[in-house]
Amino acid sequence: MSAASRSRSRIALLATTGAAAAALVLSACTSGGTSGGGGDTNFVTGNNGVDTVAQGKRTAAPALSGETLDGEQLDTADYKGKILVINVWGSWCPPCRAEAKNFQTVYEDVKGQGVEFVGINTRDTSTTPAKAFEKEFGVTYPSLYDPTGKQMLRFEKGTLNPQAIPSTLVIDRDGKIAARALTPLGEDTLRSMIKPVLAEK
């Protein structure tokens, strides 16, 4: 094989490897619909990418606490008696960027009805890009800064998939997990996750 042929082969191999790596990174951001494996979480899969749990079969969500992107202390135990929407996101994730305005719009509509939103910012190496993300999309609810994914690991196995970013959970007034989506959400789908939990007595 000539030097020129070897060089072309090496370039082709690098291009293939690079494309595979890029696909892996992209899938880590956008893949969804599967759980983290194991665990009996009682989710029933819906046809809109939303999994739900019947009211009597729900498991308790863990208390999440830590520092927000703004340097404040946050503890989800303080939201007891309210519905809590938890959104896992990263500034590096294109689908997170696509859904951010939907979350802010719905938050503004439902915050007066006993619904709170909390973000979990993950895999950002500093708060700077995350804060820029919030400013760009007008996000006003708080987000816990969780660069290594420790907050996600507090959930029972099978509830969240660390590779499925963004992910969203709806926690009912009793602190139990009522619904989840492991894919990006449009405004209507997000509302459809919250509405039945709001209607519960």
N, C-alpha and C. Protein backbone atom coordinates (compact mmCIF):
# COMPACT_ATOMS: atom_id res chain seq x y z
N MET A 1 0.85 -1.18 0.00
CA MET A 1 0.00 0.00 0.00
C MET A 1 0.89 1.24 0.00
N SER A 2 0.61 2.20 -0.87
CA SER A 2 1.43 3.41 -0.96
C SER A 2 1.18 4.31 0.24
N ALA A 3 2.08 5.25 0.45
CA ALA A 3 1.94 6.20 1.57
C ALA A 3 0.65 7.00 1.42
N ALA A 4 0.31 7.37 0.17
CA ALA A 4 -0.92 8.15 -0.08
C ALA A 4 -2.15 7.33 0.27
N SER A 5 -2.14 6.03 -0.07
CA SER A 5 -3.29 5.16 0.25
C SER A 5 -3.45 5.00 1.75
N ARG A 6 -2.28 4.80 2.45
CA ARG A 6 -2.33 4.66 3.91
C ARG A 6 -2.90 5.92 4.54
N SER A 7 -2.50 7.06 4.01
CA SER A 7 -2.97 8.34 4.54
C SER A 7 -4.48 8.48 4.36
N ARG A 8 -4.95 8.09 3.15
CA ARG A 8 -6.40 8.17 2.88
C ARG A 8 -7.17 7.22 3.80
N SER A 9 -6.63 6.01 4.02
CA SER A 9 -7.28 5.03 4.90
C SER A 9 -7.38 5.57 6.32
N ARG A 10 -6.27 6.21 6.78
CA ARG A 10 -6.25 6.77 8.12
C ARG A 10 -7.30 7.88 8.26
N ILE A 11 -7.41 8.74 7.24
CA ILE A 11 -8.40 9.84 7.26
C ILE A 11 -9.81 9.27 7.29
N ALA A 12 -10.06 8.24 6.46
CA ALA A 12 -11.39 7.61 6.43
C ALA A 12 -11.74 7.00 7.78
N LEU A 13 -10.74 6.34 8.41
CA LEU A 13 -10.96 5.73 9.72
C LEU A 13 -11.28 6.80 10.76
N LEU A 14 -10.52 7.90 10.74
CA LEU A 14 -10.76 9.00 11.69
C LEU A 14 -12.14 9.60 11.47
N ALA A 15 -12.54 9.76 10.22
CA ALA A 15 -13.85 10.34 9.93
C ALA A 15 -14.96 9.44 10.46
N THR A 16 -14.81 8.12 10.24
CA THR A 16 -15.81 7.17 10.73
C THR A 16 -15.88 7.19 12.25
N THR A 17 -14.70 7.18 12.91
CA THR A 17 -14.64 7.21 14.37
C THR A 17 -15.26 8.49 14.90
N GLY A 18 -14.95 9.61 14.25
CA GLY A 18 -15.50 10.91 14.67
C GLY A 18 -17.01 10.93 14.55
N ALA A 19 -17.53 10.38 13.45
CA ALA A 19 -18.99 10.36 13.26
C ALA A 19 -19.67 9.49 14.31
N ALA A 20 -19.03 8.35 14.63
CA ALA A 20 -19.60 7.46 15.66
C ALA A 20 -19.62 8.16 17.02
N ALA A 21 -18.53 8.87 17.33
CA ALA A 21 -18.45 9.59 18.61
C ALA A 21 -19.50 10.69 18.67
N ALA A 22 -19.66 11.40 17.54
CA ALA A 22 -20.67 12.48 17.51
C ALA A 22 -22.07 11.90 17.70
N ALA A 23 -22.34 10.76 17.07
CA ALA A 23 -23.66 10.13 17.21
C ALA A 23 -23.90 9.71 18.65
N LEU A 24 -22.86 9.21 19.30
CA LEU A 24 -22.99 8.78 20.70
C LEU A 24 -23.30 9.98 21.59
N VAL A 25 -22.59 11.09 21.39
CA VAL A 25 -22.83 12.29 22.18
C VAL A 25 -24.25 12.78 21.97
N LEU A 26 -24.69 12.80 20.70
CA LEU A 26 -26.04 13.28 20.39
C LEU A 26 -27.09 12.37 21.02
N SER A 27 -26.87 11.05 20.94
CA SER A 27 -27.87 10.14 21.49
C SER A 27 -27.93 10.26 23.00
N ALA A 28 -26.81 10.59 23.64
CA ALA A 28 -26.81 10.75 25.09
C ALA A 28 -27.68 11.91 25.50
N CYS A 29 -27.85 12.86 24.58
CA CYS A 29 -28.64 14.05 24.88
C CYS A 29 -30.10 13.84 24.53
N THR A 30 -30.38 13.04 23.50
CA THR A 30 -31.74 13.00 23.00
C THR A 30 -32.44 11.66 23.20
N SER A 31 -31.70 10.61 23.55
CA SER A 31 -32.36 9.31 23.67
C SER A 31 -33.34 9.34 24.83
N GLY A 32 -34.41 8.65 24.68
CA GLY A 32 -35.39 8.63 25.76
C GLY A 32 -36.30 7.43 25.61
N GLY A 33 -37.27 7.35 26.48
CA GLY A 33 -38.27 6.31 26.39
C GLY A 33 -37.90 5.03 27.10
N THR A 34 -36.68 4.95 27.63
CA THR A 34 -36.32 3.74 28.37
C THR A 34 -35.91 4.15 29.78
N SER A 35 -36.15 3.28 30.70
CA SER A 35 -35.82 3.59 32.09
C SER A 35 -34.35 3.29 32.35
N GLY A 36 -33.94 3.60 33.55
CA GLY A 36 -32.56 3.32 33.93
C GLY A 36 -32.33 1.84 34.19
N GLY A 37 -33.35 1.01 34.05
CA GLY A 37 -33.20 -0.43 34.23
C GLY A 37 -33.42 -0.86 35.66
N GLY A 38 -34.03 -2.02 35.82
CA GLY A 38 -34.27 -2.55 37.16
C GLY A 38 -35.28 -1.70 37.91
N GLY A 39 -35.55 -2.09 39.14
CA GLY A 39 -36.48 -1.32 39.96
C GLY A 39 -37.91 -1.54 39.52
N ASP A 40 -38.83 -1.51 40.46
CA ASP A 40 -40.25 -1.66 40.14
C ASP A 40 -40.92 -0.33 40.41
N THR A 41 -41.01 0.50 39.37
CA THR A 41 -41.49 1.87 39.55
C THR A 41 -42.96 2.05 39.17
N ASN A 42 -43.62 0.99 38.68
CA ASN A 42 -45.05 0.98 38.36
C ASN A 42 -45.46 1.95 37.25
N PHE A 43 -44.52 2.36 36.40
CA PHE A 43 -44.87 3.26 35.30
C PHE A 43 -45.66 2.52 34.23
N VAL A 44 -46.69 3.18 33.71
CA VAL A 44 -47.44 2.68 32.57
C VAL A 44 -47.09 3.60 31.40
N THR A 45 -46.60 3.00 30.32
CA THR A 45 -46.15 3.79 29.17
C THR A 45 -47.33 4.36 28.40
N GLY A 46 -47.26 5.66 28.13
CA GLY A 46 -48.30 6.31 27.34
C GLY A 46 -47.86 6.42 25.89
N ASN A 47 -48.78 6.82 25.01
CA ASN A 47 -48.43 6.90 23.59
C ASN A 47 -47.87 8.28 23.21
N ASN A 48 -47.72 9.17 24.19
CA ASN A 48 -47.20 10.51 23.90
C ASN A 48 -45.82 10.72 24.52
N GLY A 49 -45.15 9.62 24.89
CA GLY A 49 -43.83 9.74 25.50
C GLY A 49 -43.88 9.99 27.00
N VAL A 50 -45.09 9.98 27.57
CA VAL A 50 -45.26 10.22 29.00
C VAL A 50 -45.67 8.92 29.69
N ASP A 51 -44.95 8.56 30.74
CA ASP A 51 -45.28 7.39 31.56
C ASP A 51 -45.97 7.88 32.82
N THR A 52 -47.01 7.19 33.25
CA THR A 52 -47.75 7.61 34.44
C THR A 52 -47.84 6.46 35.44
N VAL A 53 -48.16 6.82 36.68
CA VAL A 53 -48.35 5.82 37.74
C VAL A 53 -49.70 6.12 38.39
N ALA A 54 -50.53 5.09 38.54
CA ALA A 54 -51.82 5.25 39.19
C ALA A 54 -51.63 5.77 40.61
N GLN A 55 -52.58 6.54 41.09
CA GLN A 55 -52.43 7.24 42.36
C GLN A 55 -52.07 6.31 43.53
N GLY A 56 -52.66 5.14 43.59
CA GLY A 56 -52.40 4.24 44.71
C GLY A 56 -51.12 3.43 44.60
N LYS A 57 -50.41 3.53 43.45
CA LYS A 57 -49.23 2.70 43.22
C LYS A 57 -47.93 3.50 43.16
N ARG A 58 -47.99 4.75 43.50
CA ARG A 58 -46.82 5.63 43.36
C ARG A 58 -45.80 5.44 44.47
N THR A 59 -44.55 5.70 44.12
CA THR A 59 -43.47 5.65 45.11
C THR A 59 -43.02 7.07 45.45
N ALA A 60 -42.51 7.23 46.65
CA ALA A 60 -42.09 8.55 47.11
C ALA A 60 -40.86 9.03 46.35
N ALA A 61 -40.87 10.30 46.02
CA ALA A 61 -39.68 10.92 45.40
C ALA A 61 -38.69 11.25 46.51
N PRO A 62 -37.41 11.14 46.23
CA PRO A 62 -36.42 11.51 47.25
C PRO A 62 -36.40 13.02 47.45
N ALA A 63 -36.00 13.45 48.63
CA ALA A 63 -35.81 14.89 48.85
C ALA A 63 -34.52 15.29 48.15
N LEU A 64 -34.59 16.35 47.38
CA LEU A 64 -33.41 16.88 46.70
C LEU A 64 -33.01 18.17 47.39
N SER A 65 -31.74 18.34 47.62
CA SER A 65 -31.29 19.57 48.27
C SER A 65 -29.89 19.90 47.80
N GLY A 66 -29.58 21.18 47.83
CA GLY A 66 -28.25 21.61 47.42
C GLY A 66 -28.27 23.06 47.02
N GLU A 67 -27.22 23.44 46.31
CA GLU A 67 -27.07 24.83 45.90
C GLU A 67 -27.63 25.03 44.50
N THR A 68 -28.34 26.14 44.32
CA THR A 68 -28.87 26.46 42.99
C THR A 68 -27.80 27.16 42.16
N LEU A 69 -28.13 27.39 40.90
CA LEU A 69 -27.21 28.10 40.01
C LEU A 69 -26.91 29.50 40.53
N ASP A 70 -27.84 30.05 41.31
CA ASP A 70 -27.66 31.40 41.86
C ASP A 70 -26.98 31.39 43.22
N GLY A 71 -26.55 30.20 43.68
CA GLY A 71 -25.84 30.12 44.95
C GLY A 71 -26.73 30.08 46.18
N GLU A 72 -28.05 29.89 45.96
CA GLU A 72 -28.99 29.78 47.09
C GLU A 72 -29.12 28.31 47.48
N GLN A 73 -29.58 28.07 48.70
CA GLN A 73 -29.86 26.70 49.14
C GLN A 73 -31.30 26.36 48.80
N LEU A 74 -31.52 25.16 48.27
CA LEU A 74 -32.87 24.71 47.92
C LEU A 74 -33.07 23.31 48.46
N ASP A 75 -34.26 23.06 49.01
CA ASP A 75 -34.64 21.74 49.50
C ASP A 75 -36.06 21.47 49.04
N THR A 76 -36.25 20.41 48.27
CA THR A 76 -37.59 20.14 47.74
C THR A 76 -38.58 19.75 48.84
N ALA A 77 -38.08 19.40 50.03
CA ALA A 77 -38.99 19.12 51.15
C ALA A 77 -39.82 20.35 51.50
N ASP A 78 -39.33 21.54 51.14
CA ASP A 78 -40.06 22.78 51.40
C ASP A 78 -41.30 22.93 50.52
N TYR A 79 -41.42 22.08 49.49
CA TYR A 79 -42.56 22.15 48.57
C TYR A 79 -43.66 21.16 48.94
N LYS A 80 -43.58 20.59 50.12
CA LYS A 80 -44.57 19.61 50.55
C LYS A 80 -45.98 20.19 50.43
N GLY A 81 -46.91 19.39 49.90
CA GLY A 81 -48.29 19.85 49.74
C GLY A 81 -48.52 20.53 48.40
N LYS A 82 -47.47 20.71 47.62
CA LYS A 82 -47.59 21.30 46.28
C LYS A 82 -47.21 20.25 45.24
N ILE A 83 -47.63 20.49 44.02
CA ILE A 83 -47.20 19.66 42.90
C ILE A 83 -45.84 20.19 42.45
N LEU A 84 -44.91 19.30 42.20
CA LEU A 84 -43.56 19.71 41.83
C LEU A 84 -43.19 19.11 40.47
N VAL A 85 -42.79 19.98 39.56
CA VAL A 85 -42.30 19.54 38.25
C VAL A 85 -40.77 19.65 38.28
N ILE A 86 -40.10 18.54 38.06
CA ILE A 86 -38.64 18.51 38.06
C ILE A 86 -38.16 18.26 36.64
N ASN A 87 -37.29 19.15 36.15
CA ASN A 87 -36.77 19.03 34.79
C ASN A 87 -35.25 18.93 34.84
N VAL A 88 -34.72 17.82 34.31
CA VAL A 88 -33.26 17.62 34.24
C VAL A 88 -32.79 18.15 32.89
N TRP A 89 -31.79 19.06 32.91
CA TRP A 89 -31.37 19.71 31.68
C TRP A 89 -29.89 20.07 31.72
N GLY A 90 -29.34 20.41 30.56
CA GLY A 90 -27.98 20.90 30.46
C GLY A 90 -27.90 21.95 29.36
N SER A 91 -27.08 22.94 29.53
CA SER A 91 -26.97 24.01 28.53
C SER A 91 -26.38 23.49 27.22
N TRP A 92 -25.69 22.34 27.28
CA TRP A 92 -25.00 21.73 26.14
C TRP A 92 -25.94 20.90 25.26
N CYS A 93 -27.19 20.80 25.68
CA CYS A 93 -28.14 19.84 25.09
C CYS A 93 -29.16 20.54 24.19
N PRO A 94 -29.08 20.37 22.85
CA PRO A 94 -30.02 21.06 21.96
C PRO A 94 -31.51 20.83 22.27
N PRO A 95 -31.95 19.58 22.60
CA PRO A 95 -33.37 19.41 22.93
C PRO A 95 -33.78 20.18 24.19
N CYS A 96 -32.84 20.37 25.13
CA CYS A 96 -33.14 21.17 26.33
C CYS A 96 -33.41 22.61 25.93
N ARG A 97 -32.63 23.10 24.97
CA ARG A 97 -32.81 24.46 24.48
C ARG A 97 -34.18 24.58 23.80
N ALA A 98 -34.57 23.53 23.08
CA ALA A 98 -35.84 23.56 22.36
C ALA A 98 -37.04 23.60 23.30
N GLU A 99 -36.93 22.95 24.47
CA GLU A 99 -38.09 22.87 25.35
C GLU A 99 -38.12 23.95 26.43
N ALA A 100 -37.04 24.71 26.61
CA ALA A 100 -36.93 25.65 27.74
C ALA A 100 -38.07 26.67 27.78
N LYS A 101 -38.40 27.26 26.64
CA LYS A 101 -39.47 28.27 26.62
C LYS A 101 -40.82 27.65 26.95
N ASN A 102 -41.02 26.40 26.55
CA ASN A 102 -42.27 25.70 26.88
C ASN A 102 -42.43 25.58 28.39
N PHE A 103 -41.34 25.24 29.06
CA PHE A 103 -41.38 25.08 30.51
C PHE A 103 -41.66 26.42 31.20
N GLN A 104 -41.03 27.48 30.74
CA GLN A 104 -41.24 28.78 31.36
C GLN A 104 -42.69 29.25 31.15
N THR A 105 -43.24 29.03 29.96
CA THR A 105 -44.62 29.43 29.66
C THR A 105 -45.60 28.70 30.57
N VAL A 106 -45.43 27.37 30.68
CA VAL A 106 -46.34 26.58 31.52
C VAL A 106 -46.17 26.95 32.98
N TYR A 107 -44.93 27.15 33.41
CA TYR A 107 -44.66 27.55 34.80
C TYR A 107 -45.42 28.83 35.15
N GLU A 108 -45.35 29.81 34.28
CA GLU A 108 -46.03 31.08 34.54
C GLU A 108 -47.55 30.89 34.64
N ASP A 109 -48.07 29.94 33.87
CA ASP A 109 -49.52 29.69 33.87
C ASP A 109 -50.00 28.95 35.11
N VAL A 110 -49.17 28.06 35.66
CA VAL A 110 -49.66 27.18 36.74
C VAL A 110 -49.10 27.49 38.12
N LYS A 111 -48.14 28.40 38.22
CA LYS A 111 -47.50 28.64 39.52
C LYS A 111 -48.48 29.17 40.56
N GLY A 112 -49.56 29.79 40.13
CA GLY A 112 -50.57 30.27 41.07
C GLY A 112 -51.56 29.20 41.49
N GLN A 113 -51.39 27.97 40.97
CA GLN A 113 -52.31 26.86 41.27
C GLN A 113 -51.67 25.82 42.18
N GLY A 114 -50.60 26.20 42.87
CA GLY A 114 -49.94 25.24 43.76
C GLY A 114 -48.99 24.31 43.04
N VAL A 115 -48.40 24.78 41.93
CA VAL A 115 -47.43 23.99 41.18
C VAL A 115 -46.10 24.74 41.19
N GLU A 116 -45.04 24.03 41.54
CA GLU A 116 -43.69 24.61 41.54
C GLU A 116 -42.82 23.87 40.53
N PHE A 117 -41.85 24.55 39.97
CA PHE A 117 -40.89 23.95 39.05
C PHE A 117 -39.50 24.05 39.67
N VAL A 118 -38.71 22.99 39.52
CA VAL A 118 -37.31 23.00 39.92
C VAL A 118 -36.52 22.28 38.83
N GLY A 119 -35.46 22.92 38.36
CA GLY A 119 -34.59 22.28 37.39
C GLY A 119 -33.44 21.58 38.09
N ILE A 120 -32.87 20.59 37.41
CA ILE A 120 -31.61 19.99 37.84
C ILE A 120 -30.65 20.18 36.66
N ASN A 121 -29.70 21.08 36.81
CA ASN A 121 -28.72 21.34 35.76
C ASN A 121 -27.59 20.32 35.91
N THR A 122 -27.36 19.54 34.85
CA THR A 122 -26.37 18.48 34.94
C THR A 122 -25.33 18.57 33.83
N ARG A 123 -24.13 18.11 34.13
CA ARG A 123 -23.00 17.99 33.21
C ARG A 123 -22.48 19.32 32.67
N ASP A 124 -22.89 20.43 33.23
CA ASP A 124 -22.24 21.70 32.92
C ASP A 124 -21.05 21.84 33.87
N THR A 125 -19.87 22.13 33.33
CA THR A 125 -18.65 22.15 34.15
C THR A 125 -18.54 23.39 35.01
N SER A 126 -19.36 24.40 34.74
CA SER A 126 -19.45 25.57 35.61
C SER A 126 -20.86 26.13 35.49
N THR A 127 -21.19 27.06 36.37
CA THR A 127 -22.54 27.63 36.33
C THR A 127 -22.68 28.68 35.23
N THR A 128 -21.58 29.13 34.66
CA THR A 128 -21.62 30.22 33.67
C THR A 128 -22.50 29.89 32.45
N PRO A 129 -22.27 28.75 31.75
CA PRO A 129 -23.14 28.45 30.60
C PRO A 129 -24.59 28.18 31.01
N ALA A 130 -24.77 27.62 32.19
CA ALA A 130 -26.13 27.33 32.67
C ALA A 130 -26.89 28.63 32.95
N LYS A 131 -26.22 29.58 33.55
CA LYS A 131 -26.86 30.88 33.81
C LYS A 131 -27.16 31.61 32.50
N ALA A 132 -26.25 31.49 31.53
CA ALA A 132 -26.48 32.10 30.21
C ALA A 132 -27.71 31.48 29.54
N PHE A 133 -27.86 30.16 29.70
CA PHE A 133 -29.02 29.43 29.17
C PHE A 133 -30.30 30.00 29.79
N GLU A 134 -30.32 30.13 31.11
CA GLU A 134 -31.52 30.63 31.79
C GLU A 134 -31.86 32.06 31.33
N LYS A 135 -30.83 32.87 31.17
CA LYS A 135 -31.06 34.25 30.72
C LYS A 135 -31.61 34.27 29.29
N GLU A 136 -31.01 33.46 28.42
CA GLU A 136 -31.43 33.42 27.02
C GLU A 136 -32.90 33.02 26.86
N PHE A 137 -33.34 32.06 27.68
CA PHE A 137 -34.70 31.54 27.53
C PHE A 137 -35.67 32.08 28.57
N GLY A 138 -35.21 33.02 29.39
CA GLY A 138 -36.09 33.68 30.35
C GLY A 138 -36.58 32.77 31.46
N VAL A 139 -35.78 31.76 31.83
CA VAL A 139 -36.18 30.81 32.87
C VAL A 139 -36.06 31.48 34.25
N THR A 140 -37.17 31.50 34.99
CA THR A 140 -37.19 32.20 36.28
C THR A 140 -37.29 31.26 37.48
N TYR A 141 -37.61 29.98 37.27
CA TYR A 141 -37.66 29.06 38.41
C TYR A 141 -36.25 28.56 38.71
N PRO A 142 -36.00 28.11 39.95
CA PRO A 142 -34.63 27.73 40.34
C PRO A 142 -34.19 26.38 39.77
N SER A 143 -32.89 26.23 39.63
CA SER A 143 -32.30 24.94 39.24
C SER A 143 -31.16 24.59 40.17
N LEU A 144 -31.17 23.36 40.66
CA LEU A 144 -30.04 22.84 41.43
C LEU A 144 -28.87 22.63 40.49
N TYR A 145 -27.68 23.01 40.93
CA TYR A 145 -26.47 22.78 40.13
C TYR A 145 -25.93 21.41 40.48
N ASP A 146 -25.92 20.50 39.49
CA ASP A 146 -25.59 19.10 39.74
C ASP A 146 -24.68 18.57 38.63
N PRO A 147 -23.44 19.07 38.55
CA PRO A 147 -22.59 18.72 37.41
C PRO A 147 -22.28 17.24 37.27
N THR A 148 -22.28 16.49 38.36
CA THR A 148 -21.91 15.06 38.29
C THR A 148 -23.11 14.11 38.35
N GLY A 149 -24.33 14.65 38.41
CA GLY A 149 -25.51 13.79 38.38
C GLY A 149 -25.89 13.15 39.70
N LYS A 150 -25.39 13.67 40.82
CA LYS A 150 -25.69 13.07 42.12
C LYS A 150 -27.17 13.15 42.47
N GLN A 151 -27.83 14.25 42.07
CA GLN A 151 -29.26 14.40 42.39
C GLN A 151 -30.08 13.31 41.69
N MET A 152 -29.73 13.02 40.43
CA MET A 152 -30.46 11.99 39.69
C MET A 152 -30.32 10.62 40.35
N LEU A 153 -29.15 10.37 40.94
CA LEU A 153 -28.91 9.06 41.56
C LEU A 153 -29.72 8.86 42.84
N ARG A 154 -30.32 9.92 43.36
CA ARG A 154 -31.15 9.78 44.56
C ARG A 154 -32.48 9.09 44.26
N PHE A 155 -32.87 9.10 42.99
CA PHE A 155 -34.14 8.47 42.62
C PHE A 155 -33.98 6.96 42.56
N GLU A 156 -35.07 6.27 42.85
CA GLU A 156 -35.08 4.81 42.80
C GLU A 156 -34.64 4.32 41.43
N LYS A 157 -33.88 3.25 41.41
CA LYS A 157 -33.39 2.68 40.16
C LYS A 157 -34.55 2.43 39.20
N GLY A 158 -34.38 2.84 37.97
CA GLY A 158 -35.42 2.66 36.97
C GLY A 158 -36.30 3.88 36.78
N THR A 159 -36.14 4.90 37.63
CA THR A 159 -36.98 6.11 37.52
C THR A 159 -36.45 7.03 36.43
N LEU A 160 -35.15 7.30 36.46
CA LEU A 160 -34.52 8.17 35.47
C LEU A 160 -33.41 7.42 34.77
N ASN A 161 -33.11 7.84 33.56
CA ASN A 161 -31.99 7.30 32.81
C ASN A 161 -30.98 8.43 32.65
N PRO A 162 -29.78 8.32 33.25
CA PRO A 162 -28.80 9.40 33.17
C PRO A 162 -28.43 9.79 31.74
N GLN A 163 -28.67 8.89 30.79
CA GLN A 163 -28.38 9.21 29.39
C GLN A 163 -29.52 9.95 28.70
N ALA A 164 -30.69 9.98 29.33
CA ALA A 164 -31.85 10.63 28.71
C ALA A 164 -31.99 12.04 29.27
N ILE A 165 -31.37 12.99 28.59
CA ILE A 165 -31.45 14.39 28.97
C ILE A 165 -32.04 15.11 27.77
N PRO A 166 -33.10 15.87 27.90
CA PRO A 166 -33.80 16.22 29.14
C PRO A 166 -34.73 15.11 29.62
N SER A 167 -35.05 15.17 30.91
CA SER A 167 -36.05 14.30 31.52
C SER A 167 -36.92 15.16 32.44
N THR A 168 -38.17 14.73 32.60
CA THR A 168 -39.10 15.50 33.44
C THR A 168 -39.91 14.56 34.32
N LEU A 169 -40.08 14.95 35.57
CA LEU A 169 -40.93 14.21 36.51
C LEU A 169 -41.98 15.15 37.08
N VAL A 170 -43.18 14.62 37.31
CA VAL A 170 -44.21 15.36 38.04
C VAL A 170 -44.44 14.64 39.35
N ILE A 171 -44.26 15.37 40.45
CA ILE A 171 -44.43 14.84 41.80
C ILE A 171 -45.74 15.35 42.35
N ASP A 172 -46.58 14.45 42.89
CA ASP A 172 -47.89 14.86 43.37
C ASP A 172 -47.81 15.57 44.73
N ARG A 173 -48.96 16.00 45.24
CA ARG A 173 -49.01 16.76 46.50
C ARG A 173 -48.52 15.96 47.70
N ASP A 174 -48.52 14.62 47.56
CA ASP A 174 -48.05 13.75 48.64
C ASP A 174 -46.56 13.42 48.51
N GLY A 175 -45.90 14.05 47.55
CA GLY A 175 -44.47 13.81 47.37
C GLY A 175 -44.15 12.53 46.62
N LYS A 176 -45.12 12.02 45.86
CA LYS A 176 -44.91 10.77 45.11
C LYS A 176 -44.86 11.03 43.61
N ILE A 177 -44.12 10.18 42.91
CA ILE A 177 -43.91 10.38 41.47
C ILE A 177 -45.14 9.93 40.69
N ALA A 178 -45.76 10.90 39.99
CA ALA A 178 -47.00 10.64 39.26
C ALA A 178 -46.78 10.43 37.77
N ALA A 179 -45.77 11.09 37.21
CA ALA A 179 -45.54 10.99 35.76
C ALA A 179 -44.09 11.31 35.45
N ARG A 180 -43.65 10.81 34.29
CA ARG A 180 -42.30 11.13 33.84
C ARG A 180 -42.26 11.12 32.31
N ALA A 181 -41.30 11.86 31.78
CA ALA A 181 -41.00 11.84 30.35
C ALA A 181 -39.48 11.84 30.22
N LEU A 182 -38.97 10.94 29.41
CA LEU A 182 -37.52 10.84 29.20
C LEU A 182 -37.16 11.39 27.82
N THR A 183 -37.98 12.31 27.34
CA THR A 183 -37.79 12.94 26.03
C THR A 183 -38.09 14.42 26.17
N PRO A 184 -37.70 15.24 25.19
CA PRO A 184 -38.05 16.66 25.23
C PRO A 184 -39.57 16.83 25.15
N LEU A 185 -40.08 17.88 25.77
CA LEU A 185 -41.53 18.08 25.84
C LEU A 185 -41.97 19.37 25.17
N GLY A 186 -43.06 19.26 24.41
CA GLY A 186 -43.75 20.43 23.91
C GLY A 186 -44.65 20.97 25.01
N GLU A 187 -45.15 22.16 24.80
CA GLU A 187 -45.99 22.81 25.81
C GLU A 187 -47.24 21.98 26.13
N ASP A 188 -47.90 21.48 25.10
CA ASP A 188 -49.15 20.73 25.31
C ASP A 188 -48.90 19.43 26.08
N THR A 189 -47.80 18.75 25.76
CA THR A 189 -47.51 17.49 26.45
C THR A 189 -47.18 17.75 27.92
N LEU A 190 -46.43 18.81 28.17
CA LEU A 190 -46.11 19.16 29.56
C LEU A 190 -47.39 19.46 30.34
N ARG A 191 -48.28 20.21 29.73
CA ARG A 191 -49.56 20.51 30.40
C ARG A 191 -50.34 19.22 30.67
N SER A 192 -50.27 18.26 29.72
CA SER A 192 -51.01 17.00 29.88
C SER A 192 -50.45 16.16 31.01
N MET A 193 -49.19 16.37 31.38
CA MET A 193 -48.60 15.65 32.52
C MET A 193 -49.09 16.24 33.85
N ILE A 194 -49.26 17.56 33.86
CA ILE A 194 -49.60 18.25 35.10
C ILE A 194 -51.10 18.24 35.39
N LYS A 195 -51.91 18.37 34.35
CA LYS A 195 -53.36 18.57 34.51
C LYS A 195 -54.05 17.49 35.34
N PRO A 196 -53.82 16.19 35.06
CA PRO A 196 -54.52 15.17 35.86
C PRO A 196 -54.08 15.17 37.33
N VAL A 197 -52.82 15.53 37.59
CA VAL A 197 -52.33 15.57 38.97
C VAL A 197 -52.95 16.76 39.69
N LEU A 198 -53.13 17.86 38.97
CA LEU A 198 -53.81 19.03 39.55
C LEU A 198 -55.25 18.70 39.95
N ALA A 199 -55.88 17.84 39.16
CA ALA A 199 -57.29 17.51 39.38
C ALA A 199 -57.50 16.54 40.54
N GLU A 200 -56.42 15.91 41.03
CA GLU A 200 -56.53 14.93 42.09
C GLU A 200 -56.88 15.60 43.42
N LYS A 201 -57.64 14.88 44.21
CA LYS A 201 -58.03 15.39 45.54
C LYS A 201 -57.23 14.68 46.61
